[in-house]
Amino acid sequence: MDTDFRFLSVSEAAEILGVSGGRVRQLLIAGLLKGHKLGEKQWAIDPAEVAQRKIKPTPRGRPCRKSMTATDLKKV
């Protein structure tokens, strides 16, 4: 029976994703990257989750707003 589990730390995941450790923590807290919190400050992150995130990254920047039409301006 193979019981050799391998998890990544925040710093290892950050290096793979090309982001800061703080950004990885933000993703974990927001639920955009799945991991298990170990104690107060440590995280265990599944390598498959990091690989999936690397394949399909989150778009950068703020989301686009719908531009206002003339009808919308009349309502204001």
PDB file of N, CA and C in Angstrom:
ATOM      1  N   MET A   1       0.844  -1.181   0.000  1.00  0.00           N
ATOM      2  CA  MET A   1       0.000   0.000   0.000  1.00  0.00           C
ATOM      3  C   MET A   1       0.889   1.244   0.000  1.00  0.00           C
ATOM      4  N   ASP A   2       0.674   2.116  -0.951  1.00  0.00           N
ATOM      5  CA  ASP A   2       1.473   3.342  -1.070  1.00  0.00           C
ATOM      6  C   ASP A   2       0.821   4.456  -0.253  1.00  0.00           C
ATOM      7  N   THR A   3       1.488   4.894   0.805  1.00  0.00           N
ATOM      8  CA  THR A   3       0.959   5.971   1.653  1.00  0.00           C
ATOM      9  C   THR A   3       1.845   7.205   1.596  1.00  0.00           C
ATOM     10  N   ASP A   4       2.570   7.360   0.510  1.00  0.00           N
ATOM     11  CA  ASP A   4       3.473   8.500   0.356  1.00  0.00           C
ATOM     12  C   ASP A   4       2.701   9.682  -0.238  1.00  0.00           C
ATOM     13  N   PHE A   5       2.187  10.536   0.639  1.00  0.00           N
ATOM     14  CA  PHE A   5       1.441  11.710   0.195  1.00  0.00           C
ATOM     15  C   PHE A   5       2.414  12.862   0.003  1.00  0.00           C
ATOM     16  N   ARG A   6       2.239  13.636  -1.038  1.00  0.00           N
ATOM     17  CA  ARG A   6       3.102  14.783  -1.302  1.00  0.00           C
ATOM     18  C   ARG A   6       2.231  16.010  -1.440  1.00  0.00           C
ATOM     19  N   PHE A   7       2.483  16.991  -0.615  1.00  0.00           N
ATOM     20  CA  PHE A   7       1.783  18.260  -0.686  1.00  0.00           C
ATOM     21  C   PHE A   7       2.807  19.366  -0.882  1.00  0.00           C
ATOM     22  N   LEU A   8       2.350  20.494  -1.407  1.00  0.00           N
ATOM     23  CA  LEU A   8       3.219  21.648  -1.630  1.00  0.00           C
ATOM     24  C   LEU A   8       2.992  22.681  -0.537  1.00  0.00           C
ATOM     25  N   SER A   9       4.044  23.411  -0.224  1.00  0.00           N
ATOM     26  CA  SER A   9       3.920  24.542   0.691  1.00  0.00           C
ATOM     27  C   SER A   9       3.492  25.766  -0.117  1.00  0.00           C
ATOM     28  N   VAL A  10       3.189  26.837   0.572  1.00  0.00           N
ATOM     29  CA  VAL A  10       2.809  28.089  -0.098  1.00  0.00           C
ATOM     30  C   VAL A  10       3.950  28.569  -0.992  1.00  0.00           C
ATOM     31  N   SER A  11       5.167  28.522  -0.484  1.00  0.00           N
ATOM     32  CA  SER A  11       6.305  29.022  -1.274  1.00  0.00           C
ATOM     33  C   SER A  11       6.559  28.151  -2.502  1.00  0.00           C
ATOM     34  N   GLU A  12       6.380  26.828  -2.383  1.00  0.00           N
ATOM     35  CA  GLU A  12       6.559  25.950  -3.541  1.00  0.00           C
ATOM     36  C   GLU A  12       5.479  26.214  -4.591  1.00  0.00           C
ATOM     37  N   ALA A  13       4.242  26.369  -4.149  1.00  0.00           N
ATOM     38  CA  ALA A  13       3.146  26.660  -5.077  1.00  0.00           C
ATOM     39  C   ALA A  13       3.362  28.012  -5.754  1.00  0.00           C
ATOM     40  N   ALA A  14       3.831  28.995  -4.986  1.00  0.00           N
ATOM     41  CA  ALA A  14       4.082  30.324  -5.543  1.00  0.00           C
ATOM     42  C   ALA A  14       5.143  30.276  -6.636  1.00  0.00           C
ATOM     43  N   GLU A  15       6.186  29.506  -6.406  1.00  0.00           N
ATOM     44  CA  GLU A  15       7.259  29.392  -7.401  1.00  0.00           C
ATOM     45  C   GLU A  15       6.738  28.746  -8.688  1.00  0.00           C
ATOM     46  N   ILE A  16       5.926  27.711  -8.553  1.00  0.00           N
ATOM     47  CA  ILE A  16       5.372  27.031  -9.727  1.00  0.00           C
ATOM     48  C   ILE A  16       4.437  27.958 -10.500  1.00  0.00           C
ATOM     49  N   LEU A  17       3.603  28.711  -9.777  1.00  0.00           N
ATOM     50  CA  LEU A  17       2.618  29.582 -10.425  1.00  0.00           C
ATOM     51  C   LEU A  17       3.208  30.915 -10.887  1.00  0.00           C
ATOM     52  N   GLY A  18       4.393  31.252 -10.390  1.00  0.00           N
ATOM     53  CA  GLY A  18       5.008  32.520 -10.776  1.00  0.00           C
ATOM     54  C   GLY A  18       4.368  33.723 -10.100  1.00  0.00           C
ATOM     55  N   VAL A  19       3.878  33.524  -8.883  1.00  0.00           N
ATOM     56  CA  VAL A  19       3.261  34.604  -8.109  1.00  0.00           C
ATOM     57  C   VAL A  19       3.914  34.642  -6.729  1.00  0.00           C
ATOM     58  N   SER A  20       3.513  35.598  -5.918  1.00  0.00           N
ATOM     59  CA  SER A  20       4.071  35.707  -4.568  1.00  0.00           C
ATOM     60  C   SER A  20       3.365  34.736  -3.619  1.00  0.00           C
ATOM     61  N   GLY A  21       3.989  34.493  -2.489  1.00  0.00           N
ATOM     62  CA  GLY A  21       3.371  33.665  -1.465  1.00  0.00           C
ATOM     63  C   GLY A  21       2.095  34.292  -0.943  1.00  0.00           C
ATOM     64  N   GLY A  22       2.089  35.614  -0.852  1.00  0.00           N
ATOM     65  CA  GLY A  22       0.890  36.324  -0.415  1.00  0.00           C
ATOM     66  C   GLY A  22      -0.277  36.095  -1.360  1.00  0.00           C
ATOM     67  N   ARG A  23       0.000  36.066  -2.654  1.00  0.00           N
ATOM     68  CA  ARG A  23      -1.063  35.826  -3.639  1.00  0.00           C
ATOM     69  C   ARG A  23      -1.602  34.404  -3.504  1.00  0.00           C
ATOM     70  N   VAL A  24      -0.714  33.447  -3.257  1.00  0.00           N
ATOM     71  CA  VAL A  24      -1.166  32.067  -3.064  1.00  0.00           C
ATOM     72  C   VAL A  24      -2.075  31.992  -1.846  1.00  0.00           C
ATOM     73  N   ARG A  25      -1.713  32.684  -0.766  1.00  0.00           N
ATOM     74  CA  ARG A  25      -2.558  32.700   0.430  1.00  0.00           C
ATOM     75  C   ARG A  25      -3.917  33.335   0.139  1.00  0.00           C
ATOM     76  N   GLN A  26      -3.926  34.406  -0.663  1.00  0.00           N
ATOM     77  CA  GLN A  26      -5.191  35.038  -1.049  1.00  0.00           C
ATOM     78  C   GLN A  26      -6.075  34.041  -1.809  1.00  0.00           C
ATOM     79  N   LEU A  27      -5.476  33.308  -2.732  1.00  0.00           N
ATOM     80  CA  LEU A  27      -6.223  32.322  -3.509  1.00  0.00           C
ATOM     81  C   LEU A  27      -6.780  31.219  -2.610  1.00  0.00           C
ATOM     82  N   LEU A  28      -5.978  30.792  -1.630  1.00  0.00           N
ATOM     83  CA  LEU A  28      -6.420  29.756  -0.700  1.00  0.00           C
ATOM     84  C   LEU A  28      -7.586  30.244   0.152  1.00  0.00           C
ATOM     85  N   ILE A  29      -7.466  31.434   0.691  1.00  0.00           N
ATOM     86  CA  ILE A  29      -8.508  31.994   1.559  1.00  0.00           C
ATOM     87  C   ILE A  29      -9.801  32.216   0.773  1.00  0.00           C
ATOM     88  N   ALA A  30      -9.680  32.662  -0.482  1.00  0.00           N
ATOM     89  CA  ALA A  30     -10.850  32.915  -1.322  1.00  0.00           C
ATOM     90  C   ALA A  30     -11.474  31.625  -1.865  1.00  0.00           C
ATOM     91  N   GLY A  31     -10.783  30.497  -1.690  1.00  0.00           N
ATOM     92  CA  GLY A  31     -11.297  29.233  -2.197  1.00  0.00           C
ATOM     93  C   GLY A  31     -11.032  29.015  -3.674  1.00  0.00           C
ATOM     94  N   LEU A  32     -10.188  29.842  -4.271  1.00  0.00           N
ATOM     95  CA  LEU A  32      -9.856  29.702  -5.686  1.00  0.00           C
ATOM     96  C   LEU A  32      -8.743  28.685  -5.911  1.00  0.00           C
ATOM     97  N   LEU A  33      -8.066  28.319  -4.838  1.00  0.00           N
ATOM     98  CA  LEU A  33      -7.052  27.276  -4.853  1.00  0.00           C
ATOM     99  C   LEU A  33      -7.323  26.441  -3.606  1.00  0.00           C
ATOM    100  N   LYS A  34      -7.466  25.137  -3.784  1.00  0.00           N
ATOM    101  CA  LYS A  34      -7.824  24.284  -2.654  1.00  0.00           C
ATOM    102  C   LYS A  34      -6.578  23.827  -1.908  1.00  0.00           C
ATOM    103  N   GLY A  35      -6.660  23.919  -0.591  1.00  0.00           N
ATOM    104  CA  GLY A  35      -5.582  23.473   0.268  1.00  0.00           C
ATOM    105  C   GLY A  35      -6.113  23.225   1.659  1.00  0.00           C
ATOM    106  N   HIS A  36      -5.274  22.674   2.502  1.00  0.00           N
ATOM    107  CA  HIS A  36      -5.656  22.375   3.883  1.00  0.00           C
ATOM    108  C   HIS A  36      -4.764  23.184   4.812  1.00  0.00           C
ATOM    109  N   LYS A  37      -5.376  23.885   5.735  1.00  0.00           N
ATOM    110  CA  LYS A  37      -4.628  24.692   6.679  1.00  0.00           C
ATOM    111  C   LYS A  37      -4.094  23.798   7.793  1.00  0.00           C
ATOM    112  N   LEU A  38      -2.826  23.928   8.079  1.00  0.00           N
ATOM    113  CA  LEU A  38      -2.171  23.158   9.126  1.00  0.00           C
ATOM    114  C   LEU A  38      -1.746  24.124  10.217  1.00  0.00           C
ATOM    115  N   GLY A  39      -2.468  24.154  11.287  1.00  0.00           N
ATOM    116  CA  GLY A  39      -2.129  25.069  12.367  1.00  0.00           C
ATOM    117  C   GLY A  39      -2.504  26.501  12.017  1.00  0.00           C
ATOM    118  N   GLU A  40      -1.723  27.442  12.538  1.00  0.00           N
ATOM    119  CA  GLU A  40      -2.015  28.872  12.359  1.00  0.00           C
ATOM    120  C   GLU A  40      -1.600  29.421  11.002  1.00  0.00           C
ATOM    121  N   LYS A  41      -0.421  29.026  10.514  1.00  0.00           N
ATOM    122  CA  LYS A  41       0.138  29.706   9.345  1.00  0.00           C
ATOM    123  C   LYS A  41       0.485  28.808   8.163  1.00  0.00           C
ATOM    124  N   GLN A  42       0.521  27.520   8.327  1.00  0.00           N
ATOM    125  CA  GLN A  42       0.976  26.639   7.256  1.00  0.00           C
ATOM    126  C   GLN A  42      -0.189  26.069   6.463  1.00  0.00           C
ATOM    127  N   TRP A  43       0.080  25.837   5.179  1.00  0.00           N
ATOM    128  CA  TRP A  43      -0.899  25.246   4.278  1.00  0.00           C
ATOM    129  C   TRP A  43      -0.288  24.023   3.607  1.00  0.00           C
ATOM    130  N   ALA A  44      -1.121  23.037   3.306  1.00  0.00           N
ATOM    131  CA  ALA A  44      -0.741  21.877   2.496  1.00  0.00           C
ATOM    132  C   ALA A  44      -1.592  21.947   1.231  1.00  0.00           C
ATOM    133  N   ILE A  45      -0.934  22.069   0.095  1.00  0.00           N
ATOM    134  CA  ILE A  45      -1.629  22.276  -1.176  1.00  0.00           C
ATOM    135  C   ILE A  45      -1.375  21.073  -2.078  1.00  0.00           C
ATOM    136  N   ASP A  46      -2.430  20.545  -2.649  1.00  0.00           N
ATOM    137  CA  ASP A  46      -2.338  19.402  -3.548  1.00  0.00           C
ATOM    138  C   ASP A  46      -1.644  19.842  -4.842  1.00  0.00           C
ATOM    139  N   PRO A  47      -0.600  19.129  -5.259  1.00  0.00           N
ATOM    140  CA  PRO A  47       0.081  19.493  -6.513  1.00  0.00           C
ATOM    141  C   PRO A  47      -0.835  19.504  -7.733  1.00  0.00           C
ATOM    142  N   ALA A  48      -1.858  18.640  -7.744  1.00  0.00           N
ATOM    143  CA  ALA A  48      -2.796  18.613  -8.872  1.00  0.00           C
ATOM    144  C   ALA A  48      -3.582  19.915  -8.960  1.00  0.00           C
ATOM    145  N   GLU A  49      -3.904  20.510  -7.815  1.00  0.00           N
ATOM    146  CA  GLU A  49      -4.608  21.800  -7.795  1.00  0.00           C
ATOM    147  C   GLU A  49      -3.732  22.899  -8.401  1.00  0.00           C
ATOM    148  N   VAL A  50      -2.460  22.878  -8.055  1.00  0.00           N
ATOM    149  CA  VAL A  50      -1.532  23.885  -8.576  1.00  0.00           C
ATOM    150  C   VAL A  50      -1.357  23.701 -10.077  1.00  0.00           C
ATOM    151  N   ALA A  51      -1.254  22.459 -10.516  1.00  0.00           N
ATOM    152  CA  ALA A  51      -1.114  22.183 -11.953  1.00  0.00           C
ATOM    153  C   ALA A  51      -2.344  22.660 -12.712  1.00  0.00           C
ATOM    154  N   GLN A  52      -3.537  22.424 -12.161  1.00  0.00           N
ATOM    155  CA  GLN A  52      -4.775  22.879 -12.796  1.00  0.00           C
ATOM    156  C   GLN A  52      -4.805  24.403 -12.874  1.00  0.00           C
ATOM    157  N   ARG A  53      -4.382  25.055 -11.805  1.00  0.00           N
ATOM    158  CA  ARG A  53      -4.352  26.523 -11.757  1.00  0.00           C
ATOM    159  C   ARG A  53      -3.353  27.077 -12.773  1.00  0.00           C
ATOM    160  N   LYS A  54      -2.257  26.373 -12.971  1.00  0.00           N
ATOM    161  CA  LYS A  54      -1.227  26.796 -13.929  1.00  0.00           C
ATOM    162  C   LYS A  54      -1.770  26.720 -15.359  1.00  0.00           C
ATOM    163  N   ILE A  55      -2.581  25.702 -15.627  1.00  0.00           N
ATOM    164  CA  ILE A  55      -3.165  25.522 -16.964  1.00  0.00           C
ATOM    165  C   ILE A  55      -4.201  26.607 -17.245  1.00  0.00           C
ATOM    166  N   LYS A  56      -5.030  26.925 -16.249  1.00  0.00           N
ATOM    167  CA  LYS A  56      -6.121  27.884 -16.446  1.00  0.00           C
ATOM    168  C   LYS A  56      -6.015  29.004 -15.406  1.00  0.00           C
ATOM    169  N   PRO A  57      -5.133  29.976 -15.634  1.00  0.00           N
ATOM    170  CA  PRO A  57      -4.971  31.061 -14.662  1.00  0.00           C
ATOM    171  C   PRO A  57      -6.148  32.028 -14.650  1.00  0.00           C
ATOM    172  N   THR A  58      -6.250  32.788 -13.583  1.00  0.00           N
ATOM    173  CA  THR A  58      -7.280  33.808 -13.452  1.00  0.00           C
ATOM    174  C   THR A  58      -6.900  35.014 -14.298  1.00  0.00           C
ATOM    175  N   PRO A  59      -7.851  35.613 -14.999  1.00  0.00           N
ATOM    176  CA  PRO A  59      -7.549  36.821 -15.768  1.00  0.00           C
ATOM    177  C   PRO A  59      -7.037  37.935 -14.852  1.00  0.00           C
ATOM    178  N   ARG A  60      -6.134  38.735 -15.354  1.00  0.00           N
ATOM    179  CA  ARG A  60      -5.566  39.826 -14.573  1.00  0.00           C
ATOM    180  C   ARG A  60      -6.429  41.069 -14.686  1.00  0.00           C
ATOM    181  N   GLY A  61      -6.329  41.928 -13.688  1.00  0.00           N
ATOM    182  CA  GLY A  61      -7.015  43.206 -13.711  1.00  0.00           C
ATOM    183  C   GLY A  61      -8.439  43.128 -13.209  1.00  0.00           C
ATOM    184  N   ARG A  62      -9.075  44.269 -13.229  1.00  0.00           N
ATOM    185  CA  ARG A  62     -10.461  44.347 -12.779  1.00  0.00           C
ATOM    186  C   ARG A  62     -11.398  43.835 -13.853  1.00  0.00           C
ATOM    187  N   PRO A  63     -12.530  43.289 -13.430  1.00  0.00           N
ATOM    188  CA  PRO A  63     -13.512  42.862 -14.430  1.00  0.00           C
ATOM    189  C   PRO A  63     -14.066  44.065 -15.187  1.00  0.00           C
ATOM    190  N   CYS A  64     -14.443  43.853 -16.425  1.00  0.00           N
ATOM    191  CA  CYS A  64     -15.008  44.936 -17.238  1.00  0.00           C
ATOM    192  C   CYS A  64     -16.400  45.299 -16.746  1.00  0.00           C
ATOM    193  N   ARG A  65     -16.684  46.596 -16.743  1.00  0.00           N
ATOM    194  CA  ARG A  65     -18.033  47.057 -16.401  1.00  0.00           C
ATOM    195  C   ARG A  65     -18.836  47.199 -17.676  1.00  0.00           C
ATOM    196  N   LYS A  66     -20.124  47.004 -17.535  1.00  0.00           N
ATOM    197  CA  LYS A  66     -21.009  47.218 -18.672  1.00  0.00           C
ATOM    198  C   LYS A  66     -21.079  48.724 -18.905  1.00  0.00           C
ATOM    199  N   SER A  67     -20.872  49.155 -20.131  1.00  0.00           N
ATOM    200  CA  SER A  67     -20.942  50.582 -20.402  1.00  0.00           C
ATOM    201  C   SER A  67     -22.392  51.039 -20.385  1.00  0.00           C
ATOM    202  N   MET A  68     -22.594  52.264 -19.964  1.00  0.00           N
ATOM    203  CA  MET A  68     -23.951  52.809 -19.846  1.00  0.00           C
ATOM    204  C   MET A  68     -24.459  53.249 -21.214  1.00  0.00           C
ATOM    205  N   THR A  69     -25.711  52.951 -21.456  1.00  0.00           N
ATOM    206  CA  THR A  69     -26.347  53.364 -22.704  1.00  0.00           C
ATOM    207  C   THR A  69     -27.138  54.658 -22.427  1.00  0.00           C
ATOM    208  N   ALA A  70     -27.668  55.261 -23.474  1.00  0.00           N
ATOM    209  CA  ALA A  70     -28.478  56.475 -23.314  1.00  0.00           C
ATOM    210  C   ALA A  70     -29.685  56.214 -22.431  1.00  0.00           C
ATOM    211  N   THR A  71     -30.294  55.055 -22.537  1.00  0.00           N
ATOM    212  CA  THR A  71     -31.437  54.703 -21.709  1.00  0.00           C
ATOM    213  C   THR A  71     -31.037  54.638 -20.244  1.00  0.00           C
ATOM    214  N   ASP A  72     -29.867  54.075 -19.968  1.00  0.00           N
ATOM    215  CA  ASP A  72     -29.378  53.987 -18.604  1.00  0.00           C
ATOM    216  C   ASP A  72     -29.134  55.378 -18.016  1.00  0.00           C
ATOM    217  N   LEU A  73     -28.637  56.297 -18.842  1.00  0.00           N
ATOM    218  CA  LEU A  73     -28.346  57.648 -18.365  1.00  0.00           C
ATOM    219  C   LEU A  73     -29.631  58.409 -18.007  1.00  0.00           C
ATOM    220  N   LYS A  74     -30.715  58.125 -18.722  1.00  0.00           N
ATOM    221  CA  LYS A  74     -31.989  58.775 -18.421  1.00  0.00           C
ATOM    222  C   LYS A  74     -32.522  58.355 -17.049  1.00  0.00           C
ATOM    223  N   LYS A  75     -32.203  57.126 -16.659  1.00  0.00           N
ATOM    224  CA  LYS A  75     -32.659  56.595 -15.366  1.00  0.00           C
ATOM    225  C   LYS A  75     -31.924  57.250 -14.185  1.00  0.00           C
ATOM    226  N   VAL A  76     -30.745  57.749 -14.432  1.00  0.00           N
ATOM    227  CA  VAL A  76     -29.901  58.298 -13.370  1.00  0.00           C
ATOM    228  C   VAL A  76     -30.310  59.657 -12.989  1.00  0.00           C
TER     229      VAL A  76
END
